[in-house]
Amino acid sequence: MRRAVVRLNLKSGALELSAIAALGALQTIAFVDGDLWPLQMIAVALLAWRVGVAAPRRAALFGFAFGVAWICAGTWWLFISMHRYGGLPALLTGLAVVGLAAFLSIYLAAAMALVARWRPPSRRRAALLFAGAWLLPELARGVIFTGFPWVASGYAHVDSPLAGLAPWVGVYGIGAVAAGLAAFFGFSDLRRARAWVAPGALLVLALAAAVLVGRIDYTTPTRALTISLLQGNVPQEEKFETRFRGESLAATAAQLAAARGELVVGPETVIPVLLAELDDAYWQALLRRFRAPGRAAILGAPLGDPASGYTNSALGLSEATTAMPGGFYRYDKHHLVPFGEFVPLGFHWFTRLMNIPLGDFNRGPLAAPSFDVGGERVAPNICYEDLFGEELAARFLPEAGAPTILANLSNIGWFGKTIAVEQHLRISRMRSLELQRPMIRATNTGATAVIDHRGVVTQALPSFTVGTLEGTVEGRQGLTPFAEWAGRFGLGPLWAIGAALLLVGRARSQP
C-alpha cells in the first residue's frame, strides 16, 4: 500500500513539473505575438500559485522546470547556428542548448525557493516578494558571464499597456511589475469571488497608469533624415566562403549605387572581408560615392590584423570623415557574443568542435561617439548589442553628445527562418521605448525596419528577401528617466529595488 502511494505521489509530482514546464514554454508565444501578452502573466500567475503552496525544495524544482522550458522554447534556434553552420553533431548541439537553459535557470530556481521559504501571510507582501525574486534572476541572467537576456519577460509586453513604463524602468522593470501583478492573483484564493476584487482592481489601475505615463514625451524632434537600409539576404553558408565573395560584393555594390537616402546603412559584415583584402578599386568607389556632399554610409565590416587583433565593426563614410584615421568613422562592437565572437575561459575545446568563421574579437569602448550625418548623431550598435539597454544608455551622457538616432546592423542569418527574427525586432522596439529614440535596422535576412521613438514599426521589408528600404526617420533629443539613471548607474538601481522588495516581502505581517 505504501509503495502504491509513493508511486502515485511520484507520478503526480512528475505531471505537475511537466505542467509547470509547459507553462514556461507556452508563455514564449507572447514574445512573437504581441496581442497575446496576457499569456505571459497567466503563466507566471500559475507558477506563483504552485510555488506559494510548495516547500522550498519543490519550489526550486518548479522554478527550474519553468526556466528551462522558457529558455529552450525561446532560443531553440541556437541549434541551427551550432549544428547547421557550426557542424556540431546534433546530439551534442541539443545538449548544449538544454545545458545553457539549465544553467541560466538556476537563478530562477533559487529565487522560487526563497519565495517558498520567506512568503509572508499577506498576499500583497507576498506579491512584492515575488516581484523582487523575479527581478533579481532576470538581472543576473542579463549580466553574469557577459549576460544572455534574450526572452527577458519584459519583451512580452512591447505591445501591452505596461510598455508605457519602459522610459522609466526599462525591460527588467516591466518584467518585475508584470510578475508582481501576476503573483497577486497567484497568491489569492480565487475560488472565492471576492478574492478577485483586489488583484483585479490593482491590475486595471496599473495598466491604466502605465498607459498614461507612456503618453509623456521626454524627447523632442530634431529633423527628418532620408535613409536607405540594405537587406542582401545572403545565405549564411555562402557569406564567408571565398568562392562566393565576388558575387556578394558585386550585389552589395549594386545596392549601394541605387540607394537614394542621405544615409545608407548596410548590415553587419555586409563587407565580409578585411579592408586589406578588399579590392582597392572597390574601396575607392565607395569613398567617391559617400564623400560627396549630402551623402553618408554606415557599413558593417571586420577590421584589424594579426598584430593588433580583430574587431567586428561599422565603418562610417562621409565628406567629414576624410580627415579621420583611415578616412572613415569607426565603431567597434563592445558587447561580444560568447562562442561566436569570443571564447570564454576554459571553452576553447567546445569552439574547436565547430566550424564558425569568427573568432576572438577585441572589444570596442562602451560609450562610443556617434556618427554625424547632417547634424544628426547616429549611434551604431551591432546585432546582439541592442539587448543591453543599459549599455546603450551609457552613450547618452553627457546629454549634449547623446545620439538622436540608433542604428542596428545585424545578421540573423545564423539562425535560419525562425522566430529569432521577430524576437530581435521586438528587442529593438523595446530600446526605442526605453530611450525614446528611433531605431533603424539594416539586416542581412530581416527584420530590416524603421522604428519610431514610440517603438512602432513605421516601415519594413519582408524578411528573407533581397531589397532596399527607402524611408525617412526623424531624430529625437532629450533624455528619458531610464536614459538618465541607466546612463549613470547601469542596472545598479534595479538591483537595489530587487533587494528592497525581497526585504519588504519577507517582513511578516497580518493577512
Protein backbone atom coordinates (compact mmCIF):
# COMPACT_ATOMS: atom_id res chain seq x y z
CA MET A 1 0.00 0.00 0.00
CA ARG A 2 2.79 2.40 0.94
CA ARG A 3 4.62 1.64 -2.31
CA ALA A 4 1.47 2.38 -4.30
CA VAL A 5 1.10 5.73 -2.53
CA VAL A 6 4.75 6.57 -3.20
CA ARG A 7 4.34 5.70 -6.91
CA LEU A 8 1.17 7.80 -7.07
CA ASN A 9 2.92 10.75 -5.45
CA LEU A 10 5.87 10.44 -7.81
CA LYS A 11 3.58 10.25 -10.81
CA SER A 12 1.51 13.26 -9.74
CA GLY A 13 4.70 15.15 -8.91
CA ALA A 14 6.13 14.45 -12.37
CA LEU A 15 2.88 15.55 -14.00
CA GLU A 16 2.90 18.78 -12.00
CA LEU A 17 6.51 19.50 -13.01
CA SER A 18 5.61 18.79 -16.63
CA ALA A 19 2.69 21.20 -16.41
CA ILE A 20 4.95 23.91 -14.95
CA ALA A 21 7.46 23.33 -17.76
CA ALA A 22 4.64 23.56 -20.30
CA LEU A 23 3.68 26.96 -18.87
CA GLY A 24 7.27 28.17 -19.24
CA ALA A 25 7.32 27.12 -22.88
CA LEU A 26 3.80 28.35 -23.64
CA GLN A 27 4.46 31.90 -22.47
CA THR A 28 7.12 32.36 -25.17
CA ILE A 29 4.33 32.71 -27.75
CA ALA A 30 3.82 36.22 -26.34
CA PHE A 31 7.38 37.12 -27.38
CA VAL A 32 6.43 36.89 -31.06
CA ASP A 33 2.70 37.71 -30.98
CA GLY A 34 2.16 41.00 -29.19
CA ASP A 35 -1.60 40.53 -28.81
CA LEU A 36 -1.02 37.54 -26.53
CA TRP A 37 0.86 39.44 -23.79
CA PRO A 38 -1.70 38.31 -21.12
CA LEU A 39 -0.48 34.75 -21.71
CA GLN A 40 2.86 35.62 -20.13
CA MET A 41 1.20 36.94 -16.97
CA ILE A 42 -1.16 33.96 -16.74
CA ALA A 43 1.79 31.56 -16.90
CA VAL A 44 3.62 33.45 -14.15
CA ALA A 45 0.47 33.64 -12.01
CA LEU A 46 0.10 29.86 -12.19
CA LEU A 47 3.78 29.42 -11.32
CA ALA A 48 3.33 31.71 -8.30
CA TRP A 49 0.26 29.73 -7.23
CA ARG A 50 2.18 26.46 -7.09
CA VAL A 51 5.29 27.99 -5.55
CA GLY A 52 3.14 29.61 -2.87
CA VAL A 53 1.96 26.25 -1.53
CA ALA A 54 5.19 24.30 -2.04
CA ALA A 55 8.14 23.51 0.19
CA PRO A 56 11.34 25.37 -0.78
CA ARG A 57 12.93 22.36 -2.47
CA ARG A 58 9.80 21.71 -4.51
CA ALA A 59 9.50 25.39 -5.38
CA ALA A 60 13.08 25.35 -6.65
CA LEU A 61 12.18 22.47 -8.98
CA PHE A 62 9.18 24.46 -10.23
CA GLY A 63 11.38 27.48 -10.97
CA PHE A 64 13.98 25.30 -12.68
CA ALA A 65 11.44 23.47 -14.87
CA PHE A 66 9.70 26.71 -15.81
CA GLY A 67 13.03 28.39 -16.65
CA VAL A 68 14.49 25.54 -18.71
CA ALA A 69 11.36 25.24 -20.83
CA TRP A 70 11.12 29.04 -21.18
CA ILE A 71 14.68 29.46 -22.44
CA CYS A 72 14.67 26.33 -24.62
CA ALA A 73 11.39 27.32 -26.28
CA GLY A 74 12.57 30.90 -26.74
CA THR A 75 16.07 30.16 -28.05
CA TRP A 76 15.83 26.75 -29.75
CA TRP A 77 17.15 28.39 -32.91
CA LEU A 78 20.64 28.30 -31.36
CA PHE A 79 20.59 24.70 -32.55
CA ILE A 80 20.68 25.91 -36.17
CA SER A 81 23.77 28.07 -35.77
CA MET A 82 25.74 25.39 -33.94
CA HIS A 83 24.60 22.36 -35.94
CA ARG A 84 23.84 23.54 -39.48
CA TYR A 85 26.52 26.24 -39.71
CA GLY A 86 28.91 25.20 -36.97
CA GLY A 87 28.98 21.50 -37.84
CA LEU A 88 28.46 20.38 -34.23
CA PRO A 89 26.82 16.92 -34.01
CA ALA A 90 23.07 17.13 -33.44
CA LEU A 91 23.12 15.31 -30.09
CA LEU A 92 25.88 17.50 -28.71
CA THR A 93 24.14 20.62 -30.03
CA GLY A 94 20.88 19.66 -28.34
CA LEU A 95 22.70 19.02 -25.09
CA ALA A 96 24.42 22.41 -25.39
CA VAL A 97 21.10 24.26 -25.83
CA VAL A 98 19.50 22.43 -22.90
CA GLY A 99 22.65 22.85 -20.82
CA LEU A 100 22.64 26.62 -21.39
CA ALA A 101 18.96 26.80 -20.41
CA ALA A 102 19.59 24.68 -17.32
CA PHE A 103 22.49 26.84 -16.19
CA LEU A 104 20.53 30.07 -16.64
CA SER A 105 17.52 28.60 -14.82
CA ILE A 106 19.48 28.04 -11.62
CA TYR A 107 18.86 31.71 -10.77
CA LEU A 108 15.09 31.34 -11.03
CA ALA A 109 15.17 28.06 -9.11
CA ALA A 110 16.97 29.71 -6.18
CA ALA A 111 14.59 32.66 -6.27
CA MET A 112 11.47 30.46 -6.14
CA ALA A 113 12.96 28.57 -3.18
CA LEU A 114 13.33 31.89 -1.38
CA VAL A 115 9.71 32.79 -2.15
CA ALA A 116 8.52 29.49 -0.68
CA ARG A 117 10.70 29.90 2.41
CA TRP A 118 10.01 33.59 3.07
CA ARG A 119 6.44 34.04 1.88
CA PRO A 120 4.53 36.19 4.39
CA PRO A 121 0.82 35.66 5.17
CA SER A 122 -0.11 38.91 3.42
CA ARG A 123 -0.70 38.29 -0.25
CA ARG A 124 0.30 41.90 -1.00
CA ARG A 125 3.68 41.46 0.64
CA ALA A 126 3.98 38.04 -0.94
CA ALA A 127 3.44 39.63 -4.37
CA LEU A 128 6.18 42.19 -3.62
CA LEU A 129 8.47 39.37 -2.53
CA PHE A 130 7.74 37.51 -5.76
CA ALA A 131 8.39 40.63 -7.87
CA GLY A 132 11.80 41.06 -6.26
CA ALA A 133 12.55 37.35 -6.58
CA TRP A 134 11.65 37.59 -10.27
CA LEU A 135 13.65 40.76 -10.94
CA LEU A 136 16.95 39.62 -9.44
CA PRO A 137 17.28 36.39 -11.50
CA GLU A 138 16.46 38.31 -14.68
CA LEU A 139 19.18 40.83 -13.86
CA ALA A 140 21.60 38.01 -13.10
CA ARG A 141 20.80 36.33 -16.42
CA GLY A 142 21.42 39.64 -18.20
CA VAL A 143 24.76 40.35 -16.51
CA ILE A 144 26.63 37.29 -15.20
CA PHE A 145 29.18 35.82 -17.63
CA THR A 146 28.52 38.77 -20.01
CA GLY A 147 24.77 38.12 -19.89
CA PHE A 148 22.17 36.37 -22.03
CA PRO A 149 18.94 38.37 -21.57
CA TRP A 150 17.18 37.07 -24.69
CA VAL A 151 13.44 36.49 -23.97
CA ALA A 152 13.62 38.51 -20.75
CA SER A 153 10.00 38.63 -19.59
CA GLY A 154 9.52 42.35 -20.30
CA TYR A 155 9.86 41.73 -24.05
CA ALA A 156 6.47 40.01 -23.97
CA HIS A 157 4.98 43.44 -23.15
CA VAL A 158 6.26 45.57 -26.03
CA ASP A 159 2.65 45.79 -27.24
CA SER A 160 0.95 45.72 -23.84
CA PRO A 161 -0.11 48.73 -21.75
CA LEU A 162 2.89 48.06 -19.49
CA ALA A 163 5.15 49.22 -22.34
CA GLY A 164 4.38 52.74 -21.14
CA LEU A 165 6.69 52.07 -18.18
CA ALA A 166 9.73 51.47 -20.42
CA PRO A 167 11.05 55.08 -20.34
CA TRP A 168 11.07 54.82 -16.54
CA VAL A 169 12.10 51.29 -15.54
CA GLY A 170 13.23 49.56 -18.74
CA VAL A 171 12.59 45.99 -19.81
CA TYR A 172 13.58 44.41 -16.47
CA GLY A 173 11.36 46.77 -14.52
CA ILE A 174 8.41 45.95 -16.77
CA GLY A 175 9.04 42.24 -16.21
CA ALA A 176 9.08 42.73 -12.43
CA VAL A 177 5.84 44.75 -12.45
CA ALA A 178 4.14 42.10 -14.59
CA ALA A 179 5.42 39.35 -12.27
CA GLY A 180 4.20 41.17 -9.15
CA LEU A 181 0.73 41.72 -10.62
CA ALA A 182 0.55 38.10 -11.73
CA ALA A 183 1.69 36.84 -8.32
CA PHE A 184 -1.07 38.84 -6.59
CA PHE A 185 -3.53 36.66 -8.49
CA GLY A 186 -1.48 33.53 -7.88
CA PHE A 187 -1.39 34.06 -4.13
CA SER A 188 -5.13 34.81 -3.89
CA ASP A 189 -7.76 32.17 -3.18
CA LEU A 190 -9.66 32.71 -6.41
CA ARG A 191 -12.28 30.13 -5.51
CA ARG A 192 -13.99 32.98 -3.68
CA ALA A 193 -15.45 35.69 -5.93
CA ARG A 194 -14.41 38.46 -3.52
CA ALA A 195 -10.78 37.37 -3.81
CA TRP A 196 -10.71 38.57 -7.43
CA VAL A 197 -11.53 42.16 -6.50
CA ALA A 198 -8.21 43.38 -5.07
CA PRO A 199 -5.83 41.85 -7.68
CA GLY A 200 -8.25 42.72 -10.49
CA ALA A 201 -8.53 46.33 -9.36
CA LEU A 202 -4.77 46.63 -8.96
CA LEU A 203 -4.21 45.20 -12.43
CA VAL A 204 -6.63 47.66 -14.02
CA LEU A 205 -5.10 50.60 -12.14
CA ALA A 206 -1.55 49.53 -13.05
CA LEU A 207 -2.37 49.15 -16.73
CA ALA A 208 -4.19 52.48 -16.82
CA ALA A 209 -1.34 54.25 -15.05
CA ALA A 210 1.18 52.71 -17.46
CA VAL A 211 -0.84 53.93 -20.43
CA LEU A 212 -1.00 57.47 -19.04
CA VAL A 213 2.71 57.55 -18.21
CA GLY A 214 3.51 56.16 -21.64
CA ARG A 215 1.93 59.18 -23.32
CA ILE A 216 4.55 61.53 -21.90
CA ASP A 217 7.15 62.76 -24.37
CA TYR A 218 10.55 63.16 -22.73
CA THR A 219 12.16 64.00 -26.06
CA THR A 220 11.58 66.46 -28.89
CA PRO A 221 12.12 66.06 -32.66
CA THR A 222 15.25 67.26 -34.40
CA ARG A 223 14.99 66.78 -38.19
CA ALA A 224 13.94 64.19 -40.73
CA LEU A 225 16.66 62.20 -42.47
CA THR A 226 16.18 60.15 -45.64
CA ILE A 227 17.67 56.68 -45.33
CA SER A 228 18.35 53.59 -47.41
CA LEU A 229 18.58 50.30 -45.48
CA LEU A 230 20.14 47.36 -47.32
CA GLN A 231 19.00 43.76 -46.98
CA GLY A 232 21.16 41.38 -49.03
CA ASN A 233 19.61 38.06 -47.91
CA VAL A 234 22.95 36.32 -48.44
CA PRO A 235 22.69 32.62 -47.46
CA GLN A 236 24.76 32.09 -44.34
CA GLU A 237 26.61 29.15 -45.86
CA GLU A 238 27.83 31.49 -48.64
CA LYS A 239 28.54 34.66 -46.67
CA PHE A 240 32.16 33.94 -45.72
CA GLU A 241 33.01 31.46 -48.49
CA THR A 242 35.76 32.73 -50.80
CA ARG A 243 34.13 31.35 -53.96
CA PHE A 244 31.00 33.47 -53.38
CA ARG A 245 32.84 36.63 -52.35
CA GLY A 246 32.94 38.35 -55.74
CA GLU A 247 29.23 37.78 -56.38
CA SER A 248 28.30 39.01 -52.89
CA LEU A 249 30.40 42.18 -53.12
CA ALA A 250 29.06 42.94 -56.59
CA ALA A 251 25.46 42.63 -55.32
CA THR A 252 26.26 44.97 -52.43
CA ALA A 253 27.87 47.48 -54.81
CA ALA A 254 24.72 47.46 -56.95
CA GLN A 255 22.52 48.12 -53.92
CA LEU A 256 24.80 50.95 -52.76
CA ALA A 257 24.79 52.55 -56.21
CA ALA A 258 20.99 52.51 -56.37
CA ALA A 259 20.42 53.76 -52.80
CA ARG A 260 18.96 57.27 -52.67
CA GLY A 261 19.00 58.20 -48.99
CA GLU A 262 21.17 60.80 -47.29
CA LEU A 263 22.29 57.92 -45.07
CA VAL A 264 22.78 54.41 -46.43
CA VAL A 265 23.14 51.60 -43.88
CA GLY A 266 24.34 48.08 -44.65
CA PRO A 267 24.05 45.03 -42.37
CA GLU A 268 26.64 43.52 -40.08
CA THR A 269 29.62 42.30 -42.19
CA VAL A 270 27.97 43.48 -45.39
CA ILE A 271 31.62 43.73 -46.45
CA PRO A 272 32.64 40.20 -45.36
CA VAL A 273 36.40 40.67 -45.72
CA LEU A 274 39.11 42.72 -44.07
CA LEU A 275 39.83 46.04 -45.78
CA ALA A 276 43.35 44.82 -46.53
CA GLU A 277 41.80 42.02 -48.60
CA LEU A 278 39.25 44.25 -50.35
CA ASP A 279 39.93 45.23 -53.94
CA ASP A 280 41.27 48.79 -53.92
CA ALA A 281 39.08 49.85 -56.85
CA TYR A 282 36.01 48.70 -54.90
CA TRP A 283 37.07 50.69 -51.84
CA GLN A 284 37.84 53.83 -53.82
CA ALA A 285 34.43 53.68 -55.48
CA LEU A 286 32.82 53.61 -52.03
CA LEU A 287 34.85 56.61 -50.91
CA ARG A 288 33.95 58.63 -54.00
CA ARG A 289 30.24 57.87 -53.66
CA PHE A 290 29.88 58.69 -49.98
CA ARG A 291 32.30 61.57 -49.71
CA ALA A 292 30.05 63.56 -51.99
CA PRO A 293 28.19 66.39 -50.20
CA GLY A 294 24.92 65.25 -48.64
CA ARG A 295 25.78 61.51 -48.72
CA ALA A 296 26.87 59.18 -45.94
CA ALA A 297 27.01 55.44 -45.27
CA ILE A 298 27.44 53.03 -42.36
CA LEU A 299 28.64 49.59 -43.41
CA GLY A 300 29.45 46.54 -41.33
CA ALA A 301 32.93 45.04 -41.82
CA PRO A 302 35.62 43.21 -39.84
CA LEU A 303 38.73 45.26 -39.13
CA GLY A 304 42.21 44.55 -37.80
CA ASP A 305 45.32 42.48 -38.34
CA PRO A 306 47.16 39.63 -36.61
CA ALA A 307 49.33 42.02 -34.59
CA SER A 308 46.61 44.24 -33.12
CA GLY A 309 43.71 41.77 -33.22
CA TYR A 310 40.35 41.99 -34.95
CA THR A 311 37.07 43.79 -34.34
CA ASN A 312 33.50 43.41 -35.57
CA SER A 313 32.96 46.97 -36.74
CA ALA A 314 30.83 49.53 -38.53
CA LEU A 315 32.51 51.99 -40.89
CA GLY A 316 31.09 55.47 -41.42
CA LEU A 317 31.83 57.26 -44.68
CA SER A 318 31.01 60.90 -45.41
CA GLU A 319 32.62 64.12 -46.56
CA ALA A 320 33.64 64.84 -42.96
CA THR A 321 35.42 61.51 -42.40
CA THR A 322 38.24 62.31 -44.84
CA ALA A 323 40.35 63.70 -42.00
CA MET A 324 39.70 60.76 -39.66
CA PRO A 325 42.21 57.92 -39.18
CA GLY A 326 41.88 55.60 -42.15
CA GLY A 327 39.49 58.07 -43.76
CA PHE A 328 36.39 56.72 -42.01
CA TYR A 329 34.40 56.83 -38.78
CA ARG A 330 34.82 53.62 -36.84
CA TYR A 331 32.57 51.86 -34.35
CA ASP A 332 33.87 48.64 -32.81
CA LYS A 333 31.38 46.26 -31.24
CA HIS A 334 31.58 46.38 -27.46
CA HIS A 335 29.35 43.54 -26.25
CA LEU A 336 30.61 40.39 -27.94
CA VAL A 337 28.71 37.12 -28.36
CA PRO A 338 30.14 34.23 -26.33
CA PHE A 339 31.45 31.39 -28.52
CA GLY A 340 30.78 33.39 -31.70
CA GLU A 341 32.97 36.46 -31.15
CA PHE A 342 34.98 35.48 -28.12
CA VAL A 343 35.71 32.22 -26.37
CA PRO A 344 35.02 32.11 -22.61
CA LEU A 345 37.91 30.88 -20.50
CA GLY A 346 38.07 27.11 -20.49
CA PHE A 347 35.77 26.59 -23.50
CA HIS A 348 38.21 26.56 -26.42
CA TRP A 349 37.64 22.80 -26.68
CA PHE A 350 33.97 23.49 -27.42
CA THR A 351 34.58 26.09 -30.14
CA ARG A 352 37.16 23.82 -31.79
CA LEU A 353 34.32 21.37 -32.42
CA MET A 354 32.54 23.98 -34.57
CA ASN A 355 33.37 25.48 -37.94
CA ILE A 356 32.13 29.04 -37.44
CA PRO A 357 34.30 31.58 -39.35
CA LEU A 358 34.58 34.00 -36.44
CA GLY A 359 37.00 34.04 -33.57
CA ASP A 360 38.25 36.06 -30.66
CA PHE A 361 37.49 39.73 -31.34
CA ASN A 362 38.68 42.73 -29.40
CA ARG A 363 36.03 44.80 -27.60
CA GLY A 364 35.32 48.39 -28.53
CA PRO A 365 34.63 51.14 -25.96
CA LEU A 366 31.36 51.21 -24.04
CA ALA A 367 30.49 54.88 -24.61
CA ALA A 368 31.49 55.24 -28.25
CA PRO A 369 30.92 58.56 -30.06
CA SER A 370 28.13 58.85 -32.61
CA PHE A 371 28.48 59.35 -36.36
CA ASP A 372 27.41 62.80 -37.54
CA VAL A 373 25.07 62.77 -40.54
CA GLY A 374 23.74 66.19 -41.49
CA GLY A 375 23.69 67.29 -37.85
CA GLU A 376 22.06 64.05 -36.63
CA ARG A 377 24.08 61.92 -34.23
CA VAL A 378 23.67 58.31 -35.38
CA ALA A 379 24.80 55.66 -32.87
CA PRO A 380 25.52 52.24 -34.40
CA ASN A 381 25.16 49.01 -32.47
CA ILE A 382 25.87 45.60 -33.90
CA CYS A 383 23.40 42.71 -33.73
CA TYR A 384 23.28 41.30 -30.17
CA GLU A 385 24.27 44.62 -28.58
CA ASP A 386 20.76 46.02 -28.61
CA LEU A 387 19.81 43.53 -25.91
CA PHE A 388 21.67 45.69 -23.43
CA GLY A 389 19.71 48.91 -22.98
CA GLU A 390 21.83 49.99 -20.04
CA GLU A 391 24.92 49.90 -22.26
CA LEU A 392 23.25 51.96 -24.98
CA ALA A 393 22.18 54.43 -22.26
CA ALA A 394 25.85 54.97 -21.39
CA ARG A 395 26.18 56.83 -24.70
CA PHE A 396 23.52 59.37 -23.67
CA LEU A 397 25.62 61.21 -21.10
CA PRO A 398 26.58 63.97 -21.33
CA GLU A 399 23.29 64.91 -22.99
CA ALA A 400 24.96 67.30 -25.45
CA GLY A 401 26.52 64.32 -27.24
CA ALA A 402 23.57 61.93 -26.90
CA PRO A 403 22.53 60.04 -30.05
CA THR A 404 19.49 61.31 -31.91
CA ILE A 405 19.10 58.09 -33.92
CA LEU A 406 20.07 54.49 -33.12
CA ALA A 407 21.18 52.15 -35.91
CA ASN A 408 21.31 48.37 -35.52
CA LEU A 409 23.40 46.39 -38.03
CA SER A 410 22.55 42.69 -37.78
CA ASN A 411 22.91 39.30 -39.38
CA ILE A 412 20.36 36.84 -38.01
CA GLY A 413 21.06 34.54 -40.95
CA TRP A 414 22.92 32.31 -38.47
CA PHE A 415 19.54 31.17 -37.11
CA GLY A 416 17.64 30.42 -40.32
CA LYS A 417 13.98 31.21 -40.97
CA THR A 418 12.94 31.19 -37.34
CA ILE A 419 11.28 33.26 -34.63
CA ALA A 420 14.67 34.84 -33.85
CA VAL A 421 13.96 37.50 -36.49
CA GLU A 422 10.70 38.67 -34.88
CA GLN A 423 12.17 38.39 -31.38
CA HIS A 424 15.10 40.62 -32.32
CA LEU A 425 12.77 43.19 -33.86
CA ARG A 426 10.85 43.35 -30.57
CA ILE A 427 14.12 43.82 -28.69
CA SER A 428 14.94 46.83 -30.86
CA ARG A 429 11.43 48.19 -30.29
CA MET A 430 11.98 48.00 -26.52
CA ARG A 431 15.20 50.02 -26.83
CA SER A 432 13.26 52.70 -28.72
CA LEU A 433 10.66 52.74 -25.94
CA GLU A 434 13.25 52.97 -23.17
CA LEU A 435 15.28 55.76 -24.76
CA GLN A 436 12.60 57.41 -26.93
CA ARG A 437 14.85 57.26 -29.93
CA PRO A 438 14.11 55.91 -33.40
CA MET A 439 15.95 52.74 -34.34
CA ILE A 440 16.83 51.96 -37.93
CA ARG A 441 17.71 48.32 -38.62
CA ALA A 442 19.74 47.08 -41.59
CA THR A 443 19.92 43.29 -41.55
CA ASN A 444 21.06 40.52 -43.84
CA THR A 445 17.85 38.47 -43.72
CA GLY A 446 15.45 40.59 -41.61
CA ALA A 447 13.91 42.35 -39.95
CA THR A 448 15.08 45.46 -41.83
CA ALA A 449 12.88 48.23 -40.48
CA VAL A 450 12.37 51.77 -39.24
CA ILE A 451 11.11 52.01 -35.65
CA ASP A 452 9.93 55.35 -34.29
CA HIS A 453 10.62 56.72 -30.80
CA ARG A 454 7.40 55.09 -29.55
CA GLY A 455 8.57 51.62 -30.54
CA VAL A 456 6.25 51.45 -33.55
CA VAL A 457 7.49 49.87 -36.79
CA THR A 458 6.70 52.50 -39.41
CA GLN A 459 8.36 50.83 -42.42
CA ALA A 460 9.80 47.36 -43.00
CA LEU A 461 10.99 44.99 -45.71
CA PRO A 462 9.67 41.43 -45.92
CA SER A 463 12.18 39.16 -44.21
CA PHE A 464 14.25 36.69 -46.25
CA THR A 465 14.09 38.80 -49.39
CA VAL A 466 16.62 40.99 -51.23
CA GLY A 467 15.76 44.66 -51.10
CA THR A 468 16.50 48.23 -50.07
CA LEU A 469 14.18 50.07 -47.72
CA GLU A 470 13.94 53.70 -48.80
CA GLY A 471 12.45 55.68 -45.95
CA THR A 472 12.61 58.58 -43.56
CA VAL A 473 13.50 58.74 -39.89
CA GLU A 474 13.00 61.65 -37.51
CA GLY A 475 15.71 62.17 -34.90
CA ARG A 476 14.95 62.98 -31.26
CA GLN A 477 16.76 64.86 -28.50
CA GLY A 478 16.32 64.88 -24.72
CA LEU A 479 16.60 62.16 -22.08
CA THR A 480 14.09 59.72 -20.64
CA PRO A 481 14.33 58.86 -16.93
CA PHE A 482 15.72 55.45 -17.96
CA ALA A 483 18.47 57.09 -20.03
CA GLU A 484 19.32 59.34 -17.06
CA TRP A 485 19.68 56.67 -14.39
CA ALA A 486 20.90 53.78 -16.53
CA GLY A 487 23.43 56.05 -18.24
CA ARG A 488 24.90 56.98 -14.85
CA PHE A 489 24.49 53.84 -12.76
CA GLY A 490 23.82 50.99 -15.17
CA LEU A 491 21.48 48.40 -13.66
CA GLY A 492 22.51 49.25 -10.08
CA PRO A 493 19.20 50.91 -9.14
CA LEU A 494 17.24 47.84 -10.25
CA TRP A 495 19.46 45.54 -8.20
CA ALA A 496 18.74 47.76 -5.19
CA ILE A 497 14.99 47.73 -5.87
CA GLY A 498 15.00 43.95 -6.20
CA ALA A 499 16.80 43.55 -2.87
CA ALA A 500 14.42 46.04 -1.21
CA LEU A 501 11.38 44.13 -2.49
CA LEU A 502 12.77 40.93 -1.00
CA LEU A 503 13.24 42.61 2.38
CA VAL A 504 9.79 44.21 2.36
CA GLY A 505 8.16 40.98 1.24
CA ARG A 506 9.94 38.92 3.87
CA ALA A 507 8.71 41.09 6.73
CA ARG A 508 5.88 39.28 8.47
CA SER A 509 2.50 40.96 8.57
CA GLN A 510 -1.13 40.09 9.15
CA PRO A 511 -3.13 38.99 6.10
